[in-house]
PDB file of N, CA and C in Angstrom:
ATOM      1  N   MET A   1     -18.694  67.437  29.489  1.00  0.00           N
ATOM      2  CA  MET A   1     -18.109  66.483  29.058  1.00  0.00           C
ATOM      3  C   MET A   1     -19.098  65.510  28.341  1.00  0.00           C
ATOM      4  N   ARG A   2     -20.117  65.248  28.840  1.00  0.00           N
ATOM      5  CA  ARG A   2     -21.136  64.265  28.211  1.00  0.00           C
ATOM      6  C   ARG A   2     -21.478  64.836  27.130  1.00  0.00           C
ATOM      7  N   SER A   3     -21.821  65.890  26.661  1.00  0.00           N
ATOM      8  CA  SER A   3     -22.257  66.736  25.743  1.00  0.00           C
ATOM      9  C   SER A   3     -21.217  66.578  24.617  1.00  0.00           C
ATOM     10  N   LEU A   4     -19.970  66.610  24.526  1.00  0.00           N
ATOM     11  CA  LEU A   4     -19.024  66.328  24.011  1.00  0.00           C
ATOM     12  C   LEU A   4     -18.886  64.987  23.502  1.00  0.00           C
ATOM     13  N   ALA A   5     -18.762  63.880  24.363  1.00  0.00           N
ATOM     14  CA  ALA A   5     -19.063  62.695  24.260  1.00  0.00           C
ATOM     15  C   ALA A   5     -20.550  62.248  23.168  1.00  0.00           C
ATOM     16  N   ARG A   6     -21.697  62.855  23.626  1.00  0.00           N
ATOM     17  CA  ARG A   6     -22.581  62.601  22.346  1.00  0.00           C
ATOM     18  C   ARG A   6     -22.406  63.111  21.459  1.00  0.00           C
ATOM     19  N   HIS A   7     -21.773  64.196  21.258  1.00  0.00           N
ATOM     20  CA  HIS A   7     -21.516  64.444  19.767  1.00  0.00           C
ATOM     21  C   HIS A   7     -20.399  63.728  19.164  1.00  0.00           C
ATOM     22  N   ALA A   8     -19.135  63.435  19.840  1.00  0.00           N
ATOM     23  CA  ALA A   8     -18.265  62.955  19.287  1.00  0.00           C
ATOM     24  C   ALA A   8     -19.069  61.129  18.607  1.00  0.00           C
ATOM     25  N   LEU A   9     -19.927  60.594  19.208  1.00  0.00           N
ATOM     26  CA  LEU A   9     -20.872  59.326  19.366  1.00  0.00           C
ATOM     27  C   LEU A   9     -21.533  59.408  17.704  1.00  0.00           C
ATOM     28  N   ALA A  10     -22.111  60.840  18.086  1.00  0.00           N
ATOM     29  CA  ALA A  10     -23.043  61.011  16.877  1.00  0.00           C
ATOM     30  C   ALA A  10     -21.987  61.163  15.783  1.00  0.00           C
ATOM     31  N   ALA A  11     -21.138  62.029  15.485  1.00  0.00           N
ATOM     32  CA  ALA A  11     -20.153  62.182  14.403  1.00  0.00           C
ATOM     33  C   ALA A  11     -19.691  60.980  13.942  1.00  0.00           C
ATOM     34  N   GLY A  12     -19.273  60.003  15.089  1.00  0.00           N
ATOM     35  CA  GLY A  12     -18.767  58.950  14.613  1.00  0.00           C
ATOM     36  C   GLY A  12     -19.353  57.793  13.823  1.00  0.00           C
ATOM     37  N   GLU A  13     -20.827  57.810  14.261  1.00  0.00           N
ATOM     38  CA  GLU A  13     -22.176  57.236  13.740  1.00  0.00           C
ATOM     39  C   GLU A  13     -22.104  57.847  12.084  1.00  0.00           C
ATOM     40  N   ASN A  14     -22.121  59.136  12.233  1.00  0.00           N
ATOM     41  CA  ASN A  14     -22.428  59.606  10.859  1.00  0.00           C
ATOM     42  C   ASN A  14     -21.155  59.512  10.093  1.00  0.00           C
ATOM     43  N   ARG A  15     -20.337  59.086  10.037  1.00  0.00           N
ATOM     44  CA  ARG A  15     -18.924  59.071   9.524  1.00  0.00           C
ATOM     45  C   ARG A  15     -18.694  57.555   9.052  1.00  0.00           C
ATOM     46  N   LEU A  16     -19.178  56.868   9.431  1.00  0.00           N
ATOM     47  CA  LEU A  16     -19.211  55.217   9.395  1.00  0.00           C
ATOM     48  C   LEU A  16     -20.467  55.011   8.369  1.00  0.00           C
ATOM     49  N   GLU A  17     -21.481  55.668   8.341  1.00  0.00           N
ATOM     50  CA  GLU A  17     -22.690  55.895   7.817  1.00  0.00           C
ATOM     51  C   GLU A  17     -22.190  56.384   6.211  1.00  0.00           C
ATOM     52  N   LEU A  18     -21.323  57.093   6.165  1.00  0.00           N
ATOM     53  CA  LEU A  18     -20.716  57.952   5.170  1.00  0.00           C
ATOM     54  C   LEU A  18     -19.499  56.806   4.435  1.00  0.00           C
ATOM     55  N   LEU A  19     -18.789  56.583   5.451  1.00  0.00           N
ATOM     56  CA  LEU A  19     -17.879  55.378   4.760  1.00  0.00           C
ATOM     57  C   LEU A  19     -18.540  54.134   3.934  1.00  0.00           C
ATOM     58  N   LEU A  20     -19.602  53.502   4.652  1.00  0.00           N
ATOM     59  CA  LEU A  20     -19.986  52.494   4.402  1.00  0.00           C
ATOM     60  C   LEU A  20     -20.790  52.733   2.825  1.00  0.00           C
ATOM     61  N   VAL A  21     -21.388  53.983   2.386  1.00  0.00           N
ATOM     62  CA  VAL A  21     -21.770  54.346   1.063  1.00  0.00           C
ATOM     63  C   VAL A  21     -20.803  54.849   0.162  1.00  0.00           C
ATOM     64  N   GLU A  22     -19.598  55.429   0.729  1.00  0.00           N
ATOM     65  CA  GLU A  22     -18.749  55.523  -0.498  1.00  0.00           C
ATOM     66  C   GLU A  22     -17.982  54.028  -0.413  1.00  0.00           C
ATOM     67  N   LEU A  23     -17.864  53.414   0.070  1.00  0.00           N
ATOM     68  CA  LEU A  23     -17.412  52.089  -0.286  1.00  0.00           C
ATOM     69  C   LEU A  23     -18.332  51.017  -1.296  1.00  0.00           C
ATOM     70  N   GLN A  24     -19.541  51.272  -0.628  1.00  0.00           N
ATOM     71  CA  GLN A  24     -20.827  50.514  -1.921  1.00  0.00           C
ATOM     72  C   GLN A  24     -20.266  51.613  -3.600  1.00  0.00           C
ATOM     73  N   GLU A  25     -20.108  52.888  -3.410  1.00  0.00           N
ATOM     74  CA  GLU A  25     -19.812  53.437  -4.899  1.00  0.00           C
ATOM     75  C   GLU A  25     -18.369  53.240  -5.344  1.00  0.00           C
ATOM     76  N   GLU A  26     -17.418  52.778  -4.122  1.00  0.00           N
ATOM     77  CA  GLU A  26     -16.285  52.351  -4.952  1.00  0.00           C
ATOM     78  C   GLU A  26     -16.103  50.704  -5.645  1.00  0.00           C
ATOM     79  N   ARG A  27     -17.179  50.025  -4.853  1.00  0.00           N
ATOM     80  CA  ARG A  27     -17.326  48.874  -5.599  1.00  0.00           C
ATOM     81  C   ARG A  27     -18.111  48.795  -6.651  1.00  0.00           C
ATOM     82  N   LEU A  28     -19.053  49.404  -6.955  1.00  0.00           N
ATOM     83  CA  LEU A  28     -19.568  49.893  -8.357  1.00  0.00           C
ATOM     84  C   LEU A  28     -18.860  50.559  -9.574  1.00  0.00           C
ATOM     85  N   ARG A  29     -17.850  51.320  -8.731  1.00  0.00           N
ATOM     86  CA  ARG A  29     -16.861  51.975  -9.930  1.00  0.00           C
ATOM     87  C   ARG A  29     -15.838  51.062 -10.269  1.00  0.00           C
ATOM     88  N   ALA A  30     -15.339  49.650  -9.615  1.00  0.00           N
ATOM     89  CA  ALA A  30     -14.507  48.682  -9.570  1.00  0.00           C
ATOM     90  C   ALA A  30     -15.212  47.680 -10.551  1.00  0.00           C
ATOM     91  N   PHE A  31     -16.091  47.565 -10.572  1.00  0.00           N
ATOM     92  CA  PHE A  31     -17.374  46.593 -11.777  1.00  0.00           C
ATOM     93  C   PHE A  31     -17.080  47.142 -12.923  1.00  0.00           C
ATOM     94  N   GLN A  32     -17.722  48.595 -12.728  1.00  0.00           N
ATOM     95  CA  GLN A  32     -17.468  49.399 -13.964  1.00  0.00           C
ATOM     96  C   GLN A  32     -16.173  49.441 -14.711  1.00  0.00           C
ATOM     97  N   GLY A  33     -15.424  49.435 -13.909  1.00  0.00           N
ATOM     98  CA  GLY A  33     -14.045  49.540 -14.538  1.00  0.00           C
ATOM     99  C   GLY A  33     -13.393  47.973 -15.171  1.00  0.00           C
ATOM    100  N   ILE A  34     -13.933  47.199 -14.454  1.00  0.00           N
ATOM    101  CA  ILE A  34     -13.534  45.670 -14.766  1.00  0.00           C
ATOM    102  C   ILE A  34     -14.343  45.218 -16.412  1.00  0.00           C
ATOM    103  N   GLY A  35     -15.704  45.815 -15.920  1.00  0.00           N
ATOM    104  CA  GLY A  35     -16.566  45.645 -17.664  1.00  0.00           C
ATOM    105  C   GLY A  35     -16.116  46.102 -18.375  1.00  0.00           C
ATOM    106  N   LEU A  36     -15.694  47.771 -18.462  1.00  0.00           N
ATOM    107  CA  LEU A  36     -14.859  48.492 -19.644  1.00  0.00           C
ATOM    108  C   LEU A  36     -13.615  47.719 -19.970  1.00  0.00           C
ATOM    109  N   SER A  37     -12.730  47.251 -19.155  1.00  0.00           N
ATOM    110  CA  SER A  37     -11.428  46.347 -19.731  1.00  0.00           C
ATOM    111  C   SER A  37     -12.081  45.325 -20.320  1.00  0.00           C
ATOM    112  N   LEU A  38     -13.133  44.584 -20.132  1.00  0.00           N
ATOM    113  CA  LEU A  38     -12.947  43.524 -20.605  1.00  0.00           C
ATOM    114  C   LEU A  38     -13.829  43.728 -22.113  1.00  0.00           C
ATOM    115  N   ALA A  39     -14.817  44.853 -22.091  1.00  0.00           N
ATOM    116  CA  ALA A  39     -15.424  45.241 -23.301  1.00  0.00           C
ATOM    117  C   ALA A  39     -13.922  45.586 -24.336  1.00  0.00           C
ATOM    118  N   VAL A  40     -12.827  46.264 -24.008  1.00  0.00           N
ATOM    119  CA  VAL A  40     -11.765  46.702 -24.547  1.00  0.00           C
ATOM    120  C   VAL A  40     -11.419  45.452 -25.054  1.00  0.00           C
ATOM    121  N   ALA A  41     -10.966  44.395 -24.025  1.00  0.00           N
ATOM    122  CA  ALA A  41     -10.305  43.779 -24.473  1.00  0.00           C
ATOM    123  C   ALA A  41     -11.000  42.384 -25.809  1.00  0.00           C
ATOM    124  N   VAL A  42     -12.472  42.369 -25.821  1.00  0.00           N
ATOM    125  CA  VAL A  42     -13.308  41.603 -26.499  1.00  0.00           C
ATOM    126  C   VAL A  42     -13.269  42.601 -27.898  1.00  0.00           C
ATOM    127  N   LEU A  43     -13.601  43.288 -27.918  1.00  0.00           N
ATOM    128  CA  LEU A  43     -13.291  44.516 -29.131  1.00  0.00           C
ATOM    129  C   LEU A  43     -12.085  44.472 -29.694  1.00  0.00           C
ATOM    130  N   GLY A  44     -11.117  44.490 -29.047  1.00  0.00           N
ATOM    131  CA  GLY A  44      -9.905  44.357 -29.747  1.00  0.00           C
ATOM    132  C   GLY A  44      -9.458  43.106 -30.527  1.00  0.00           C
ATOM    133  N   LEU A  45      -9.786  42.234 -29.668  1.00  0.00           N
ATOM    134  CA  LEU A  45      -9.655  40.717 -30.196  1.00  0.00           C
ATOM    135  C   LEU A  45     -10.555  40.843 -31.443  1.00  0.00           C
ATOM    136  N   LEU A  46     -11.764  40.885 -31.453  1.00  0.00           N
ATOM    137  CA  LEU A  46     -12.478  40.948 -32.342  1.00  0.00           C
ATOM    138  C   LEU A  46     -11.975  41.830 -33.788  1.00  0.00           C
ATOM    139  N   ALA A  47     -11.572  42.959 -33.594  1.00  0.00           N
ATOM    140  CA  ALA A  47     -10.631  43.900 -34.772  1.00  0.00           C
ATOM    141  C   ALA A  47      -9.716  42.943 -34.922  1.00  0.00           C
ATOM    142  N   GLY A  48      -8.851  42.628 -34.062  1.00  0.00           N
ATOM    143  CA  GLY A  48      -7.632  41.686 -34.847  1.00  0.00           C
ATOM    144  C   GLY A  48      -8.473  40.512 -35.516  1.00  0.00           C
ATOM    145  N   ILE A  49      -9.239  39.634 -35.283  1.00  0.00           N
ATOM    146  CA  ILE A  49      -9.508  38.693 -36.027  1.00  0.00           C
ATOM    147  C   ILE A  49     -10.368  39.624 -37.390  1.00  0.00           C
ATOM    148  N   SER A  50     -10.737  40.479 -37.788  1.00  0.00           N
ATOM    149  CA  SER A  50     -11.386  40.902 -38.496  1.00  0.00           C
ATOM    150  C   SER A  50     -10.437  41.287 -39.054  1.00  0.00           C
ATOM    151  N   LEU A  51      -9.106  41.977 -38.899  1.00  0.00           N
ATOM    152  CA  LEU A  51      -8.177  42.536 -39.621  1.00  0.00           C
ATOM    153  C   LEU A  51      -7.427  41.139 -40.605  1.00  0.00           C
ATOM    154  N   THR A  52      -7.211  40.191 -39.368  1.00  0.00           N
ATOM    155  CA  THR A  52      -6.509  39.113 -40.127  1.00  0.00           C
ATOM    156  C   THR A  52      -7.541  38.354 -41.297  1.00  0.00           C
ATOM    157  N   VAL A  53      -9.095  38.489 -40.990  1.00  0.00           N
ATOM    158  CA  VAL A  53      -9.736  37.726 -42.190  1.00  0.00           C
ATOM    159  C   VAL A  53      -9.576  38.539 -43.421  1.00  0.00           C
ATOM    160  N   ALA A  54      -9.426  39.697 -43.600  1.00  0.00           N
ATOM    161  CA  ALA A  54      -9.625  41.005 -44.515  1.00  0.00           C
ATOM    162  C   ALA A  54      -7.963  41.055 -45.229  1.00  0.00           C
ATOM    163  N   VAL A  55      -6.880  40.333 -44.585  1.00  0.00           N
ATOM    164  CA  VAL A  55      -5.845  40.151 -45.254  1.00  0.00           C
ATOM    165  C   VAL A  55      -5.805  39.000 -46.157  1.00  0.00           C
ATOM    166  N   VAL A  56      -6.649  38.030 -45.411  1.00  0.00           N
ATOM    167  CA  VAL A  56      -6.807  36.709 -46.242  1.00  0.00           C
ATOM    168  C   VAL A  56      -7.696  36.980 -47.619  1.00  0.00           C
ATOM    169  N   VAL A  57      -8.985  37.535 -47.126  1.00  0.00           N
ATOM    170  CA  VAL A  57      -9.556  38.037 -48.211  1.00  0.00           C
ATOM    171  C   VAL A  57      -9.001  38.644 -49.222  1.00  0.00           C
ATOM    172  N   VAL A  58      -8.071  39.703 -48.907  1.00  0.00           N
ATOM    173  CA  VAL A  58      -7.847  40.597 -49.759  1.00  0.00           C
ATOM    174  C   VAL A  58      -7.134  39.918 -51.254  1.00  0.00           C
ATOM    175  N   PHE A  59      -6.837  38.765 -50.919  1.00  0.00           N
ATOM    176  CA  PHE A  59      -5.902  38.123 -52.080  1.00  0.00           C
ATOM    177  C   PHE A  59      -6.817  36.922 -52.552  1.00  0.00           C
ATOM    178  N   TRP A  60      -7.893  36.898 -51.925  1.00  0.00           N
ATOM    179  CA  TRP A  60      -8.946  35.941 -52.414  1.00  0.00           C
ATOM    180  C   TRP A  60      -9.776  36.800 -53.405  1.00  0.00           C
ATOM    181  N   ASP A  61     -10.478  37.664 -52.980  1.00  0.00           N
ATOM    182  CA  ASP A  61     -11.584  38.084 -53.857  1.00  0.00           C
ATOM    183  C   ASP A  61     -11.980  39.806 -53.371  1.00  0.00           C
ATOM    184  N   HIS A  62     -11.848  40.876 -54.270  1.00  0.00           N
ATOM    185  CA  HIS A  62     -11.804  42.063 -53.942  1.00  0.00           C
ATOM    186  C   HIS A  62     -13.272  42.344 -53.392  1.00  0.00           C
ATOM    187  N   SER A  63     -14.231  41.733 -53.825  1.00  0.00           N
ATOM    188  CA  SER A  63     -15.853  42.412 -53.034  1.00  0.00           C
ATOM    189  C   SER A  63     -15.870  42.020 -51.687  1.00  0.00           C
ATOM    190  N   ARG A  64     -15.405  41.130 -51.098  1.00  0.00           N
ATOM    191  CA  ARG A  64     -15.440  40.706 -50.001  1.00  0.00           C
ATOM    192  C   ARG A  64     -14.704  41.247 -48.789  1.00  0.00           C
ATOM    193  N   LEU A  65     -13.968  42.332 -49.061  1.00  0.00           N
ATOM    194  CA  LEU A  65     -12.798  42.837 -48.438  1.00  0.00           C
ATOM    195  C   LEU A  65     -13.777  44.026 -47.974  1.00  0.00           C
ATOM    196  N   TRP A  66     -14.524  44.749 -48.322  1.00  0.00           N
ATOM    197  CA  TRP A  66     -15.332  46.057 -47.698  1.00  0.00           C
ATOM    198  C   TRP A  66     -16.116  45.906 -46.385  1.00  0.00           C
ATOM    199  N   PRO A  67     -16.339  44.598 -46.239  1.00  0.00           N
ATOM    200  CA  PRO A  67     -17.540  44.410 -45.207  1.00  0.00           C
ATOM    201  C   PRO A  67     -16.636  43.975 -44.100  1.00  0.00           C
ATOM    202  N   ILE A  68     -15.653  43.364 -44.336  1.00  0.00           N
ATOM    203  CA  ILE A  68     -14.604  42.845 -42.970  1.00  0.00           C
ATOM    204  C   ILE A  68     -13.609  43.970 -42.608  1.00  0.00           C
ATOM    205  N   LEU A  69     -13.417  44.836 -43.920  1.00  0.00           N
ATOM    206  CA  LEU A  69     -12.820  46.357 -43.167  1.00  0.00           C
ATOM    207  C   LEU A  69     -13.839  47.246 -42.380  1.00  0.00           C
ATOM    208  N   GLY A  70     -14.873  47.305 -42.708  1.00  0.00           N
ATOM    209  CA  GLY A  70     -16.210  48.003 -42.194  1.00  0.00           C
ATOM    210  C   GLY A  70     -15.844  47.286 -40.496  1.00  0.00           C
ATOM    211  N   LEU A  71     -16.111  45.986 -40.375  1.00  0.00           N
ATOM    212  CA  LEU A  71     -15.935  45.624 -39.222  1.00  0.00           C
ATOM    213  C   LEU A  71     -14.773  45.811 -38.317  1.00  0.00           C
ATOM    214  N   THR A  72     -13.777  45.727 -38.747  1.00  0.00           N
ATOM    215  CA  THR A  72     -12.364  46.021 -38.475  1.00  0.00           C
ATOM    216  C   THR A  72     -12.552  47.293 -37.578  1.00  0.00           C
ATOM    217  N   VAL A  73     -12.918  48.633 -38.686  1.00  0.00           N
ATOM    218  CA  VAL A  73     -13.006  50.008 -38.043  1.00  0.00           C
ATOM    219  C   VAL A  73     -13.972  49.792 -37.266  1.00  0.00           C
ATOM    220  N   LEU A  74     -15.212  49.273 -37.571  1.00  0.00           N
ATOM    221  CA  LEU A  74     -16.239  49.407 -35.870  1.00  0.00           C
ATOM    222  C   LEU A  74     -15.782  49.013 -34.712  1.00  0.00           C
ATOM    223  N   TYR A  75     -15.124  47.704 -34.990  1.00  0.00           N
ATOM    224  CA  TYR A  75     -14.952  47.151 -33.742  1.00  0.00           C
ATOM    225  C   TYR A  75     -13.836  48.094 -32.933  1.00  0.00           C
ATOM    226  N   GLY A  76     -12.532  48.097 -33.776  1.00  0.00           N
ATOM    227  CA  GLY A  76     -11.643  49.053 -33.414  1.00  0.00           C
ATOM    228  C   GLY A  76     -11.800  50.249 -32.867  1.00  0.00           C
ATOM    229  N   GLY A  77     -12.812  51.072 -33.344  1.00  0.00           N
ATOM    230  CA  GLY A  77     -13.285  52.304 -32.954  1.00  0.00           C
ATOM    231  C   GLY A  77     -13.958  52.181 -31.460  1.00  0.00           C
ATOM    232  N   LEU A  78     -14.544  51.352 -31.855  1.00  0.00           N
ATOM    233  CA  LEU A  78     -15.245  50.840 -30.250  1.00  0.00           C
ATOM    234  C   LEU A  78     -14.385  50.690 -29.308  1.00  0.00           C
ATOM    235  N   ALA A  79     -13.440  49.855 -29.421  1.00  0.00           N
ATOM    236  CA  ALA A  79     -12.321  49.347 -28.449  1.00  0.00           C
ATOM    237  C   ALA A  79     -11.553  50.632 -27.786  1.00  0.00           C
ATOM    238  N   LEU A  80     -11.284  51.752 -29.287  1.00  0.00           N
ATOM    239  CA  LEU A  80     -10.659  52.774 -28.688  1.00  0.00           C
ATOM    240  C   LEU A  80     -11.397  53.790 -27.992  1.00  0.00           C
ATOM    241  N   ALA A  81     -12.526  54.174 -27.988  1.00  0.00           N
ATOM    242  CA  ALA A  81     -13.754  54.766 -27.302  1.00  0.00           C
ATOM    243  C   ALA A  81     -13.843  54.114 -25.790  1.00  0.00           C
ATOM    244  N   LEU A  82     -13.760  53.121 -25.707  1.00  0.00           N
ATOM    245  CA  LEU A  82     -13.934  52.247 -24.364  1.00  0.00           C
ATOM    246  C   LEU A  82     -12.738  52.516 -23.721  1.00  0.00           C
ATOM    247  N   ALA A  83     -11.791  52.468 -24.309  1.00  0.00           N
ATOM    248  CA  ALA A  83     -10.081  52.428 -23.967  1.00  0.00           C
ATOM    249  C   ALA A  83      -9.680  53.914 -23.081  1.00  0.00           C
ATOM    250  N   ARG A  84     -10.249  54.961 -24.464  1.00  0.00           N
ATOM    251  CA  ARG A  84     -10.614  56.553 -23.261  1.00  0.00           C
ATOM    252  C   ARG A  84     -11.274  56.656 -22.206  1.00  0.00           C
ATOM    253  N   THR A  85     -12.502  56.029 -22.404  1.00  0.00           N
ATOM    254  CA  THR A  85     -13.474  56.179 -20.943  1.00  0.00           C
ATOM    255  C   THR A  85     -12.673  55.870 -20.135  1.00  0.00           C
ATOM    256  N   LEU A  86     -12.301  54.275 -19.908  1.00  0.00           N
ATOM    257  CA  LEU A  86     -11.432  53.476 -19.155  1.00  0.00           C
ATOM    258  C   LEU A  86     -10.308  54.498 -18.668  1.00  0.00           C
ATOM    259  N   ARG A  87      -9.573  55.311 -19.538  1.00  0.00           N
ATOM    260  CA  ARG A  87      -8.205  55.765 -18.953  1.00  0.00           C
ATOM    261  C   ARG A  87      -8.878  57.281 -18.073  1.00  0.00           C
ATOM    262  N   ARG A  88     -10.016  57.869 -18.373  1.00  0.00           N
ATOM    263  CA  ARG A  88     -10.078  59.023 -18.061  1.00  0.00           C
ATOM    264  C   ARG A  88     -10.898  58.596 -16.701  1.00  0.00           C
ATOM    265  N   ARG A  89     -11.474  57.389 -16.406  1.00  0.00           N
ATOM    266  CA  ARG A  89     -12.142  57.274 -15.116  1.00  0.00           C
ATOM    267  C   ARG A  89     -10.865  56.349 -14.236  1.00  0.00           C
ATOM    268  N   LEU A  90      -9.891  56.309 -14.713  1.00  0.00           N
ATOM    269  CA  LEU A  90      -8.761  55.906 -13.987  1.00  0.00           C
ATOM    270  C   LEU A  90      -8.086  57.163 -13.168  1.00  0.00           C
ATOM    271  N   GLN A  91      -7.876  57.974 -14.344  1.00  0.00           N
ATOM    272  CA  GLN A  91      -7.473  59.240 -14.139  1.00  0.00           C
ATOM    273  C   GLN A  91      -7.705  60.220 -12.704  1.00  0.00           C
ATOM    274  N   THR A  92      -9.024  59.992 -12.687  1.00  0.00           N
ATOM    275  CA  THR A  92     -10.068  60.955 -11.961  1.00  0.00           C
ATOM    276  C   THR A  92     -10.541  60.168 -10.821  1.00  0.00           C
ATOM    277  N   TRP A  93      -9.972  58.924 -10.822  1.00  0.00           N
ATOM    278  CA  TRP A  93     -10.511  58.224  -9.643  1.00  0.00           C
ATOM    279  C   TRP A  93     -10.134  58.413  -8.261  1.00  0.00           C
ATOM    280  N   GLN A  94     -11.226  58.490  -7.302  1.00  0.00           N
ATOM    281  CA  GLN A  94     -10.767  59.147  -6.225  1.00  0.00           C
ATOM    282  C   GLN A  94     -11.139  58.189  -4.754  1.00  0.00           C
ATOM    283  N   THR A  95     -10.362  57.786  -3.890  1.00  0.00           N
ATOM    284  CA  THR A  95     -10.783  56.648  -3.222  1.00  0.00           C
ATOM    285  C   THR A  95     -11.354  57.319  -1.857  1.00  0.00           C
ATOM    286  N   LEU A  96     -12.897  57.283  -1.807  1.00  0.00           N
ATOM    287  CA  LEU A  96     -13.363  57.927  -0.508  1.00  0.00           C
ATOM    288  C   LEU A  96     -13.505  59.181  -0.205  1.00  0.00           C
ATOM    289  N   PRO A  97     -13.252  60.157  -1.093  1.00  0.00           N
ATOM    290  CA  PRO A  97     -13.287  61.509  -1.092  1.00  0.00           C
ATOM    291  C   PRO A  97     -14.343  62.162   0.055  1.00  0.00           C
ATOM    292  N   GLU A  98     -15.442  62.093  -0.046  1.00  0.00           N
ATOM    293  CA  GLU A  98     -16.404  62.295   1.063  1.00  0.00           C
ATOM    294  C   GLU A  98     -15.871  62.361   2.462  1.00  0.00           C
ATOM    295  N   THR A  99     -15.744  60.946   2.411  1.00  0.00           N
ATOM    296  CA  THR A  99     -15.342  60.416   4.159  1.00  0.00           C
ATOM    297  C   THR A  99     -14.026  61.239   4.398  1.00  0.00           C
ATOM    298  N   PHE A 100     -12.833  61.410   3.615  1.00  0.00           N
ATOM    299  CA  PHE A 100     -11.749  61.980   4.295  1.00  0.00           C
ATOM    300  C   PHE A 100     -12.123  63.355   4.586  1.00  0.00           C
ATOM    301  N   ASN A 101     -12.723  64.203   3.577  1.00  0.00           N
ATOM    302  CA  ASN A 101     -12.806  65.450   3.488  1.00  0.00           C
ATOM    303  C   ASN A 101     -13.885  65.404   4.961  1.00  0.00           C
ATOM    304  N   GLN A 102     -14.786  65.025   5.240  1.00  0.00           N
ATOM    305  CA  GLN A 102     -15.583  64.825   6.693  1.00  0.00           C
ATOM    306  C   GLN A 102     -14.552  65.015   7.555  1.00  0.00           C
ATOM    307  N   ILE A 103     -13.849  63.941   7.474  1.00  0.00           N
ATOM    308  CA  ILE A 103     -13.069  63.610   8.398  1.00  0.00           C
ATOM    309  C   ILE A 103     -11.803  64.778   8.961  1.00  0.00           C
ATOM    310  N   ARG A 104     -11.621  65.145   7.885  1.00  0.00           N
ATOM    311  CA  ARG A 104     -10.506  66.689   7.811  1.00  0.00           C
ATOM    312  C   ARG A 104     -11.601  67.615   8.614  1.00  0.00           C
ATOM    313  N   ARG A 105     -12.605  68.013   8.061  1.00  0.00           N
ATOM    314  CA  ARG A 105     -13.184  68.865   8.609  1.00  0.00           C
ATOM    315  C   ARG A 105     -13.941  68.560  10.294  1.00  0.00           C
ATOM    316  N   ASP A 106     -14.114  67.653  10.702  1.00  0.00           N
ATOM    317  CA  ASP A 106     -14.557  66.910  12.089  1.00  0.00           C
ATOM    318  C   ASP A 106     -13.202  67.271  12.977  1.00  0.00           C
ATOM    319  N   LEU A 107     -12.235  67.158  12.415  1.00  0.00           N
ATOM    320  CA  LEU A 107     -10.445  67.297  13.104  1.00  0.00           C
ATOM    321  C   LEU A 107     -10.763  69.055  13.159  1.00  0.00           C
ATOM    322  N   GLU A 108     -10.553  69.790  12.031  1.00  0.00           N
ATOM    323  CA  GLU A 108     -10.417  71.238  12.197  1.00  0.00           C
ATOM    324  C   GLU A 108     -11.699  71.514  13.157  1.00  0.00           C
ATOM    325  N   ALA A 109     -12.967  71.105  13.376  1.00  0.00           N
ATOM    326  CA  ALA A 109     -14.060  71.666  14.567  1.00  0.00           C
ATOM    327  C   ALA A 109     -13.302  71.434  15.960  1.00  0.00           C
ATOM    328  N   TRP A 110     -12.966  69.903  16.030  1.00  0.00           N
ATOM    329  CA  TRP A 110     -12.553  69.388  17.461  1.00  0.00           C
ATOM    330  C   TRP A 110     -11.181  70.312  17.763  1.00  0.00           C
ATOM    331  N   THR A 111     -10.384  70.779  17.043  1.00  0.00           N
ATOM    332  CA  THR A 111      -9.328  71.551  17.224  1.00  0.00           C
ATOM    333  C   THR A 111      -9.341  73.076  17.884  1.00  0.00           C
ATOM    334  N   ALA A 112     -10.376  73.582  16.699  1.00  0.00           N
ATOM    335  CA  ALA A 112     -11.039  75.041  17.188  1.00  0.00           C
ATOM    336  C   ALA A 112     -11.852  74.681  18.573  1.00  0.00           C
ATOM    337  N   ARG A 113     -12.547  73.456  18.998  1.00  0.00           N
ATOM    338  CA  ARG A 113     -13.331  73.682  20.166  1.00  0.00           C
ATOM    339  C   ARG A 113     -12.149  73.338  21.333  1.00  0.00           C
ATOM    340  N   LEU A 114     -11.554  72.747  21.080  1.00  0.00           N
ATOM    341  CA  LEU A 114     -10.297  72.308  22.256  1.00  0.00           C
ATOM    342  C   LEU A 114      -9.524  73.452  22.427  1.00  0.00           C
ATOM    343  N   GLN A 115      -9.614  74.617  21.531  1.00  0.00           N
ATOM    344  CA  GLN A 115      -8.597  75.942  21.646  1.00  0.00           C
ATOM    345  C   GLN A 115      -9.379  76.812  22.655  1.00  0.00           C
TER     346      GLN A 115
END
């Protein structure tokens, strides 16, 4: 019985350490997601401003249009690329996957020992 209790304590400590590591990883992913969201918003805003300026310039002088349209395409393309990256990360997001897998394995091992 003591051996079983020591094993349970060691497994609990190990799982707690794993949980803390995964919580730290989740925090990092959350900050990355927030950063990507902000970058998408800023670049989208810049693309909108550039497009607005381009429409105004179109009627003013033809030679000033191409640089502004180039910036619009650049900022818009960057915003789309970051939005795709963000969507892909959100679709594959798993909360504490290793902790849950390890707990499942522990439960399987405990049920096998008790039978």
